[in-house]
Amino acid sequence: MNKVSFILILGFASLVTACKSGIIPQTKSTAANNLLETRYKMLLDYPVDSMSMPRSMNINTNEIRKVPSRDWTSGFFAGNLWQLYRLTGDSKYKEQAQKWTPFSKKESVNSNSHDVGFKVFCSFGEALKVENKKEYEAVIIKGAETLCTRFNPKVGSIRSWDFNKEIWDYPVIIDNMMNLELLFEASKLSGNPKYRDVAIQHANTTLKNQFREDNSCYHVIDYNPNTGEVRKKTTLQGYNDDSVWARGQGWAVYGFTMSYRYTKDPAYLKQAEATANFFMNNKNLPEDGIPYWDLKDPGIPNSPRDVSAAMVMASGLYELYGYTKNKSYLAFADKLMNSVQTEKYILNPNIKAPFLFGHSTGNWPKHDEIDEPIIYADYYFLEALLRKK
């Protein structure tokens, strides 16, 4: 065998190994790929505990923030395990996922939260992709029924928060677009059009009121619950009311692309593209594409990044590319994925915790989870890998 043939065979073997691991093969980042595989396995070592779903981690103290099922992030860890099983084929991830998933079941009847979709669908929805079980379907349908109790036909939207009643009357956040997938799927599973109808009404109201002329989106729209009129356009997690909260733009692109999947309404696709283009061409976007937590933060370029926003956007853009065949969406999603799969963003292997990446920002105005590993960054990264494959 000559030298050239040996190199070609070695390269092909490396490519096959990388594909089997679920990591996008990159010649320049073999070390980073190895780091990521090491981090995958740390999810298996995390002790099973219904009151300790991992949400985030303080890098300075190495303290893991653990939450019960009522927290909006509780479904992501089970979802990560299911996705890792699909990526790797390793039954150990499936076995752990089966242990974690039932902990979110009671959230299917929790009408005090608008995030039933995140909690139930990111766990049971992922489970259903692997195991076609009626019990999983039943939880999803029950969750959709519960979420519909928060719908106000006058407003045409599902209510978000119940707190801060002295500030707003009927707040609706852009994040709520993500919970619509639960409703759309519940209609498919049950044959009941009610859930789909509520999802469409919510999407239409958001489309009408949540976006600015430049196609960026507001975080919060407050409505008059009796008339449906808009009271104010504001924020809770952005720098100010008129700023550009990065993760919110990701929720918008992902949410309207997903809504197009179920409805084929061209208005949804048009908005997803418009907001995606706004984001991709923003003058304050860093060179590697991983956004600052708010693209209008006056502290840029010394502001915290948000890997979670980048991963939500990447996953959404892969799906958007599937419908539009616009290669700029594919190229930008690849750019985001290539950027995070580096030693700059992957957590050091010395950090023993069930997370993949650092440098996400949870809630900057509250000084909460700043520049930390956060569970949903990992979830949307794994989903993006699956979508790319």
Protein backbone atom coordinates (compact mmCIF):
# COMPACT_ATOMS: atom_id res chain seq x y z
CA MET A 1 0.00 0.00 0.00
CA ASN A 2 1.48 3.36 -0.95
CA LYS A 3 1.50 6.39 1.34
CA VAL A 4 -1.31 8.23 -0.46
CA SER A 5 -3.67 5.22 -0.26
CA PHE A 6 -2.96 4.79 3.44
CA ILE A 7 -3.78 8.45 4.14
CA LEU A 8 -7.04 8.20 2.18
CA ILE A 9 -8.14 5.07 4.05
CA LEU A 10 -7.21 6.59 7.39
CA GLY A 11 -9.18 9.73 6.54
CA PHE A 12 -12.23 7.72 5.53
CA ALA A 13 -12.09 5.69 8.75
CA SER A 14 -11.97 8.90 10.78
CA LEU A 15 -14.96 10.26 8.90
CA VAL A 16 -17.04 7.13 9.56
CA THR A 17 -16.15 7.19 13.26
CA ALA A 18 -17.09 10.87 13.53
CA CYS A 19 -20.44 10.31 11.80
CA LYS A 20 -21.30 7.43 14.09
CA SER A 21 -20.58 9.61 17.11
CA GLY A 22 -23.03 12.26 15.91
CA ILE A 23 -20.31 14.89 15.69
CA ILE A 24 -19.92 16.84 12.48
CA PRO A 25 -16.52 15.80 11.12
CA GLN A 26 -14.05 18.67 10.89
CA THR A 27 -10.42 18.04 10.10
CA LYS A 28 -9.24 21.02 12.10
CA SER A 29 -11.08 20.12 15.31
CA THR A 30 -10.36 16.48 16.13
CA ALA A 31 -9.41 17.48 19.67
CA ALA A 32 -12.67 19.36 20.08
CA ASN A 33 -14.64 16.36 18.80
CA ASN A 34 -12.95 14.15 21.36
CA LEU A 35 -13.83 16.68 24.06
CA LEU A 36 -17.45 16.61 23.00
CA GLU A 37 -17.63 12.82 23.12
CA THR A 38 -16.17 12.98 26.64
CA ARG A 39 -18.88 15.41 27.63
CA TYR A 40 -21.61 13.20 26.16
CA LYS A 41 -20.64 10.40 28.50
CA MET A 42 -20.88 12.69 31.53
CA LEU A 43 -24.64 12.79 31.05
CA LEU A 44 -24.73 9.08 31.87
CA ASP A 45 -22.93 9.66 35.17
CA TYR A 46 -25.43 12.22 36.49
CA PRO A 47 -27.50 10.64 39.34
CA VAL A 48 -31.19 10.07 38.61
CA ASP A 49 -33.30 12.29 40.88
CA SER A 50 -36.77 13.67 40.14
CA MET A 51 -36.01 16.87 42.06
CA SER A 52 -32.62 17.48 40.49
CA MET A 53 -32.99 18.02 36.76
CA PRO A 54 -29.81 19.86 35.73
CA ARG A 55 -30.52 23.37 34.50
CA SER A 56 -27.23 25.31 34.59
CA MET A 57 -23.92 25.54 36.39
CA ASN A 58 -21.88 28.20 38.13
CA ILE A 59 -18.42 27.76 36.65
CA ASN A 60 -16.75 29.61 39.52
CA THR A 61 -18.16 27.36 42.26
CA ASN A 62 -18.86 24.23 40.15
CA GLU A 63 -22.35 24.21 41.66
CA ILE A 64 -25.03 22.67 39.46
CA ARG A 65 -28.41 24.40 39.53
CA LYS A 66 -30.94 21.60 39.98
CA VAL A 67 -34.67 22.02 39.41
CA PRO A 68 -37.90 20.00 39.87
CA SER A 69 -40.34 19.30 37.06
CA ARG A 70 -42.23 22.59 37.49
CA ASP A 71 -39.23 24.53 36.15
CA TRP A 72 -39.58 25.39 32.46
CA THR A 73 -36.24 23.73 31.68
CA SER A 74 -37.05 20.38 33.29
CA GLY A 75 -37.75 18.44 30.09
CA PHE A 76 -34.49 19.20 28.33
CA PHE A 77 -32.22 16.70 30.10
CA ALA A 78 -34.38 13.71 29.22
CA GLY A 79 -34.61 15.13 25.70
CA ASN A 80 -30.82 15.34 25.49
CA LEU A 81 -30.51 11.68 26.42
CA TRP A 82 -33.08 10.62 23.82
CA GLN A 83 -31.29 12.66 21.16
CA LEU A 84 -27.92 11.23 22.10
CA TYR A 85 -29.38 7.75 21.70
CA ARG A 86 -30.55 8.65 18.20
CA LEU A 87 -27.16 10.15 17.37
CA THR A 88 -24.97 7.38 18.74
CA GLY A 89 -27.11 4.24 18.87
CA ASP A 90 -25.73 3.59 22.34
CA SER A 91 -28.50 1.95 24.40
CA LYS A 92 -27.10 3.44 27.63
CA TYR A 93 -28.50 6.85 26.66
CA LYS A 94 -31.90 5.31 25.96
CA GLU A 95 -31.90 3.52 29.33
CA GLN A 96 -31.16 6.77 31.16
CA ALA A 97 -33.74 8.66 29.11
CA GLN A 98 -36.38 6.13 30.12
CA LYS A 99 -35.61 6.85 33.77
CA TRP A 100 -35.73 10.65 33.47
CA THR A 101 -38.73 11.11 31.16
CA PRO A 102 -41.53 10.11 33.62
CA PHE A 103 -40.51 12.93 35.97
CA SER A 104 -42.13 15.46 33.60
CA LYS A 105 -45.46 13.62 33.35
CA LYS A 106 -47.22 15.60 36.08
CA GLU A 107 -46.51 18.82 34.19
CA SER A 108 -49.08 17.72 31.62
CA VAL A 109 -51.75 18.78 34.12
CA ASN A 110 -50.04 21.92 35.44
CA SER A 111 -52.24 24.75 34.20
CA ASN A 112 -50.22 27.34 36.10
CA SER A 113 -47.52 27.33 33.45
CA HIS A 114 -47.45 28.35 29.80
CA ASP A 115 -44.35 26.18 29.29
CA VAL A 116 -46.13 22.83 29.19
CA GLY A 117 -44.68 22.44 25.72
CA PHE A 118 -41.08 22.81 26.82
CA LYS A 119 -41.55 20.53 29.82
CA VAL A 120 -43.64 17.81 28.20
CA PHE A 121 -42.76 17.84 24.52
CA CYS A 122 -38.98 18.12 24.92
CA SER A 123 -39.11 14.96 27.02
CA PHE A 124 -42.12 12.88 25.93
CA GLY A 125 -42.01 14.20 22.38
CA GLU A 126 -38.42 13.04 22.03
CA ALA A 127 -39.31 9.74 23.65
CA LEU A 128 -42.08 9.20 21.11
CA LYS A 129 -39.58 9.57 18.25
CA VAL A 130 -37.78 6.50 19.61
CA GLU A 131 -40.56 4.42 21.17
CA ASN A 132 -44.06 4.50 19.69
CA LYS A 133 -45.93 4.16 22.97
CA LYS A 134 -49.55 5.14 23.60
CA GLU A 135 -48.63 6.29 27.11
CA TYR A 136 -46.30 8.91 25.63
CA GLU A 137 -49.02 10.05 23.25
CA ALA A 138 -51.50 10.33 26.13
CA VAL A 139 -49.18 12.63 28.09
CA ILE A 140 -48.68 14.88 25.06
CA ILE A 141 -52.42 15.13 24.39
CA LYS A 142 -53.16 15.81 28.07
CA GLY A 143 -50.48 18.51 28.08
CA ALA A 144 -52.07 20.16 25.05
CA GLU A 145 -55.47 20.13 26.73
CA THR A 146 -53.95 21.77 29.79
CA LEU A 147 -52.12 24.41 27.74
CA CYS A 148 -55.38 25.35 26.00
CA THR A 149 -56.87 26.39 29.35
CA ARG A 150 -54.53 29.41 29.18
CA PHE A 151 -55.94 30.53 25.83
CA ASN A 152 -58.07 33.67 25.66
CA PRO A 153 -60.14 33.90 22.42
CA LYS A 154 -60.53 37.67 22.86
CA VAL A 155 -56.77 38.09 22.72
CA GLY A 156 -56.20 35.17 20.39
CA SER A 157 -53.19 34.02 22.42
CA ILE A 158 -52.07 31.75 25.21
CA ARG A 159 -51.25 33.72 28.34
CA SER A 160 -47.63 33.59 29.42
CA TRP A 161 -46.86 34.63 32.99
CA ASP A 162 -49.21 34.99 35.93
CA PHE A 163 -46.82 37.15 37.98
CA ASN A 164 -46.21 40.93 37.93
CA LYS A 165 -49.93 41.66 37.63
CA GLU A 166 -49.25 45.24 38.64
CA ILE A 167 -47.12 45.64 35.48
CA TRP A 168 -49.12 43.84 32.80
CA ASP A 169 -52.64 42.47 32.31
CA TYR A 170 -52.12 39.66 29.80
CA PRO A 171 -48.46 39.14 28.82
CA VAL A 172 -47.52 37.04 25.80
CA ILE A 173 -43.85 36.31 25.15
CA ILE A 174 -42.13 35.31 21.92
CA ASP A 175 -40.93 32.14 23.68
CA ASN A 176 -44.54 30.90 23.59
CA MET A 177 -44.16 30.12 19.89
CA MET A 178 -42.08 27.13 20.93
CA ASN A 179 -44.93 25.61 22.94
CA LEU A 180 -47.13 25.42 19.85
CA GLU A 181 -45.40 22.25 18.65
CA LEU A 182 -47.08 20.39 21.50
CA LEU A 183 -50.48 21.59 20.26
CA PHE A 184 -49.87 20.77 16.60
CA GLU A 185 -48.62 17.29 17.46
CA ALA A 186 -51.51 16.65 19.85
CA SER A 187 -53.98 17.32 17.03
CA LYS A 188 -52.11 14.88 14.78
CA LEU A 189 -52.07 12.22 17.48
CA SER A 190 -55.66 12.66 18.66
CA GLY A 191 -57.46 13.80 15.54
CA ASN A 192 -58.89 16.68 17.57
CA PRO A 193 -58.50 19.95 15.60
CA LYS A 194 -58.95 22.07 18.74
CA TYR A 195 -55.25 22.12 19.64
CA ARG A 196 -54.19 23.02 16.11
CA ASP A 197 -56.78 25.81 15.96
CA VAL A 198 -55.48 27.34 19.20
CA ALA A 199 -51.90 27.12 17.91
CA ILE A 200 -52.82 28.88 14.66
CA GLN A 201 -54.68 31.66 16.45
CA HIS A 202 -51.73 32.20 18.77
CA ALA A 203 -49.27 32.26 15.86
CA ASN A 204 -51.44 34.73 13.92
CA THR A 205 -51.71 37.09 16.89
CA THR A 206 -47.95 36.92 17.45
CA LEU A 207 -47.34 37.55 13.76
CA LYS A 208 -49.54 40.62 13.86
CA ASN A 209 -48.15 42.27 17.00
CA GLN A 210 -44.75 40.92 18.03
CA PHE A 211 -42.51 42.20 15.22
CA ARG A 212 -40.91 45.56 14.47
CA GLU A 213 -40.50 47.10 11.02
CA ASP A 214 -36.95 45.74 10.79
CA ASN A 215 -38.33 42.23 11.52
CA SER A 216 -36.72 41.91 14.92
CA CYS A 217 -39.18 40.89 17.62
CA TYR A 218 -40.29 42.26 20.95
CA HIS A 219 -39.97 39.98 23.93
CA VAL A 220 -43.32 40.75 25.60
CA ILE A 221 -46.63 42.05 24.27
CA ASP A 222 -49.15 42.96 26.96
CA TYR A 223 -52.82 42.76 25.98
CA ASN A 224 -56.11 43.91 27.40
CA PRO A 225 -57.73 40.53 28.16
CA ASN A 226 -61.24 41.95 27.69
CA THR A 227 -60.74 43.61 24.30
CA GLY A 228 -57.60 42.00 22.88
CA GLU A 229 -56.01 45.41 22.31
CA VAL A 230 -52.25 45.81 22.74
CA ARG A 231 -51.43 47.70 25.96
CA LYS A 232 -47.65 47.81 25.68
CA LYS A 233 -44.67 46.30 23.91
CA THR A 234 -41.92 45.60 26.38
CA THR A 235 -39.30 43.16 27.67
CA LEU A 236 -38.31 41.22 30.76
CA GLN A 237 -35.08 39.64 29.55
CA GLY A 238 -33.76 42.09 26.95
CA TYR A 239 -31.58 45.12 27.62
CA ASN A 240 -34.58 47.43 27.19
CA ASP A 241 -37.97 47.45 25.47
CA ASP A 242 -36.52 48.33 22.06
CA SER A 243 -33.44 46.13 22.21
CA VAL A 244 -32.79 42.87 20.38
CA TRP A 245 -32.73 39.99 22.83
CA ALA A 246 -30.80 37.35 20.90
CA ARG A 247 -32.59 34.23 22.11
CA GLY A 248 -35.94 35.86 21.36
CA GLN A 249 -34.94 36.17 17.70
CA GLY A 250 -34.09 32.46 17.75
CA TRP A 251 -37.47 31.59 19.25
CA ALA A 252 -39.15 33.61 16.49
CA VAL A 253 -37.30 32.00 13.57
CA TYR A 254 -37.65 28.50 14.99
CA GLY A 255 -41.27 28.99 16.07
CA PHE A 256 -42.59 30.31 12.77
CA THR A 257 -40.60 27.79 10.74
CA MET A 258 -42.09 25.01 12.86
CA SER A 259 -45.59 26.51 12.47
CA TYR A 260 -45.09 26.51 8.70
CA ARG A 261 -44.25 22.81 8.92
CA TYR A 262 -47.73 22.05 10.24
CA THR A 263 -49.79 24.62 8.33
CA LYS A 264 -47.89 25.52 5.15
CA ASP A 265 -49.03 29.11 5.72
CA PRO A 266 -46.67 31.23 3.57
CA ALA A 267 -46.98 34.16 5.99
CA TYR A 268 -45.21 32.09 8.65
CA LEU A 269 -42.38 31.19 6.32
CA LYS A 270 -42.04 34.80 5.19
CA GLN A 271 -41.67 36.01 8.78
CA ALA A 272 -39.19 33.28 9.67
CA GLU A 273 -37.05 34.28 6.70
CA ALA A 274 -37.31 37.99 7.45
CA THR A 275 -36.21 37.58 11.07
CA ALA A 276 -33.47 35.13 10.08
CA ASN A 277 -32.09 37.64 7.59
CA PHE A 278 -32.26 40.40 10.19
CA PHE A 279 -30.26 38.26 12.59
CA MET A 280 -27.67 36.95 10.13
CA ASN A 281 -26.92 40.43 8.79
CA ASN A 282 -26.90 42.27 12.11
CA LYS A 283 -23.93 44.63 12.35
CA ASN A 284 -23.35 43.71 16.00
CA LEU A 285 -23.03 39.99 15.37
CA PRO A 286 -19.53 38.70 16.25
CA GLU A 287 -17.35 37.19 13.56
CA ASP A 288 -17.99 33.61 14.69
CA GLY A 289 -21.77 34.14 14.68
CA ILE A 290 -22.31 33.32 18.36
CA PRO A 291 -24.36 36.36 19.37
CA TYR A 292 -24.04 38.67 22.31
CA TRP A 293 -26.96 38.05 24.64
CA ASP A 294 -28.62 41.24 23.31
CA LEU A 295 -27.55 42.69 19.98
CA LYS A 296 -28.20 46.22 21.24
CA ASP A 297 -26.32 45.92 24.52
CA PRO A 298 -24.21 49.12 24.73
CA GLY A 299 -21.43 47.06 26.34
CA ILE A 300 -20.67 45.27 23.05
CA PRO A 301 -18.00 43.94 22.34
CA ASN A 302 -17.48 43.24 26.04
CA SER A 303 -20.94 41.76 26.58
CA PRO A 304 -21.66 38.09 27.40
CA ARG A 305 -22.36 35.72 24.52
CA ASP A 306 -25.32 33.37 24.33
CA VAL A 307 -24.59 29.94 22.89
CA SER A 308 -28.20 28.93 23.59
CA ALA A 309 -29.47 31.64 21.23
CA ALA A 310 -27.05 30.44 18.56
CA MET A 311 -28.17 26.82 18.89
CA VAL A 312 -31.88 27.65 18.75
CA MET A 313 -31.15 29.69 15.62
CA ALA A 314 -29.03 26.94 14.05
CA SER A 315 -31.70 24.29 14.56
CA GLY A 316 -34.37 26.61 13.19
CA LEU A 317 -32.25 27.53 10.17
CA TYR A 318 -31.66 23.90 9.21
CA GLU A 319 -35.40 23.38 9.03
CA LEU A 320 -35.89 26.71 7.25
CA TYR A 321 -33.34 25.68 4.64
CA GLY A 322 -35.31 22.48 4.08
CA TYR A 323 -38.34 24.48 2.97
CA THR A 324 -36.62 27.31 1.09
CA LYS A 325 -33.41 25.72 -0.25
CA ASN A 326 -31.80 29.10 0.47
CA LYS A 327 -28.17 28.14 0.92
CA SER A 328 -27.44 31.18 3.07
CA TYR A 329 -29.49 29.60 5.88
CA LEU A 330 -27.59 26.33 5.58
CA ALA A 331 -24.25 28.12 5.50
CA PHE A 332 -25.04 30.23 8.55
CA ALA A 333 -26.31 27.24 10.54
CA ASP A 334 -23.12 25.36 9.64
CA LYS A 335 -21.09 28.37 10.74
CA LEU A 336 -22.78 28.42 14.15
CA MET A 337 -22.31 24.68 14.60
CA ASN A 338 -18.67 24.82 13.57
CA SER A 339 -18.06 27.72 15.96
CA VAL A 340 -19.40 25.93 19.02
CA GLN A 341 -17.61 22.69 18.24
CA THR A 342 -14.32 24.20 19.33
CA GLU A 343 -12.37 24.32 22.55
CA LYS A 344 -13.51 27.92 22.99
CA TYR A 345 -17.08 26.81 23.73
CA ILE A 346 -16.96 23.13 24.72
CA LEU A 347 -16.57 22.73 28.46
CA ASN A 348 -13.18 21.63 29.75
CA PRO A 349 -13.15 17.86 30.51
CA ASN A 350 -12.07 18.65 34.07
CA ILE A 351 -15.53 20.09 34.70
CA LYS A 352 -17.58 17.11 35.82
CA ALA A 353 -21.14 18.07 34.97
CA PRO A 354 -23.93 16.97 32.57
CA PHE A 355 -23.45 19.89 30.18
CA LEU A 356 -21.70 20.28 26.83
CA PHE A 357 -21.06 24.00 26.36
CA GLY A 358 -20.26 27.12 28.33
CA HIS A 359 -20.99 30.75 27.46
CA SER A 360 -24.78 30.90 27.51
CA THR A 361 -26.75 33.70 29.12
CA GLY A 362 -30.03 33.03 30.91
CA ASN A 363 -31.40 36.31 32.27
CA TRP A 364 -28.98 39.23 32.10
CA PRO A 365 -31.27 41.88 33.66
CA LYS A 366 -31.61 39.69 36.76
CA HIS A 367 -27.88 38.81 36.74
CA ASP A 368 -28.91 35.17 36.56
CA GLU A 369 -27.01 32.47 34.66
CA ILE A 370 -24.53 34.79 32.97
CA ASP A 371 -21.84 33.18 30.78
CA GLU A 372 -22.63 29.68 32.05
CA PRO A 373 -23.50 26.21 30.77
CA ILE A 374 -27.29 26.03 30.33
CA ILE A 375 -29.16 22.84 29.49
CA TYR A 376 -31.21 24.11 26.54
CA ALA A 377 -28.09 25.18 24.63
CA ASP A 378 -27.12 21.50 24.60
CA TYR A 379 -30.64 20.40 23.62
CA TYR A 380 -30.85 22.57 20.53
CA PHE A 381 -27.27 21.72 19.56
CA LEU A 382 -28.12 18.00 19.57
CA GLU A 383 -31.34 18.67 17.68
CA ALA A 384 -29.40 20.69 15.11
CA LEU A 385 -26.96 17.79 14.67
CA LEU A 386 -29.89 15.46 13.99
CA ARG A 387 -31.43 17.90 11.55
CA LYS A 388 -28.14 18.35 9.72
CA LYS A 389 -27.73 14.59 9.39
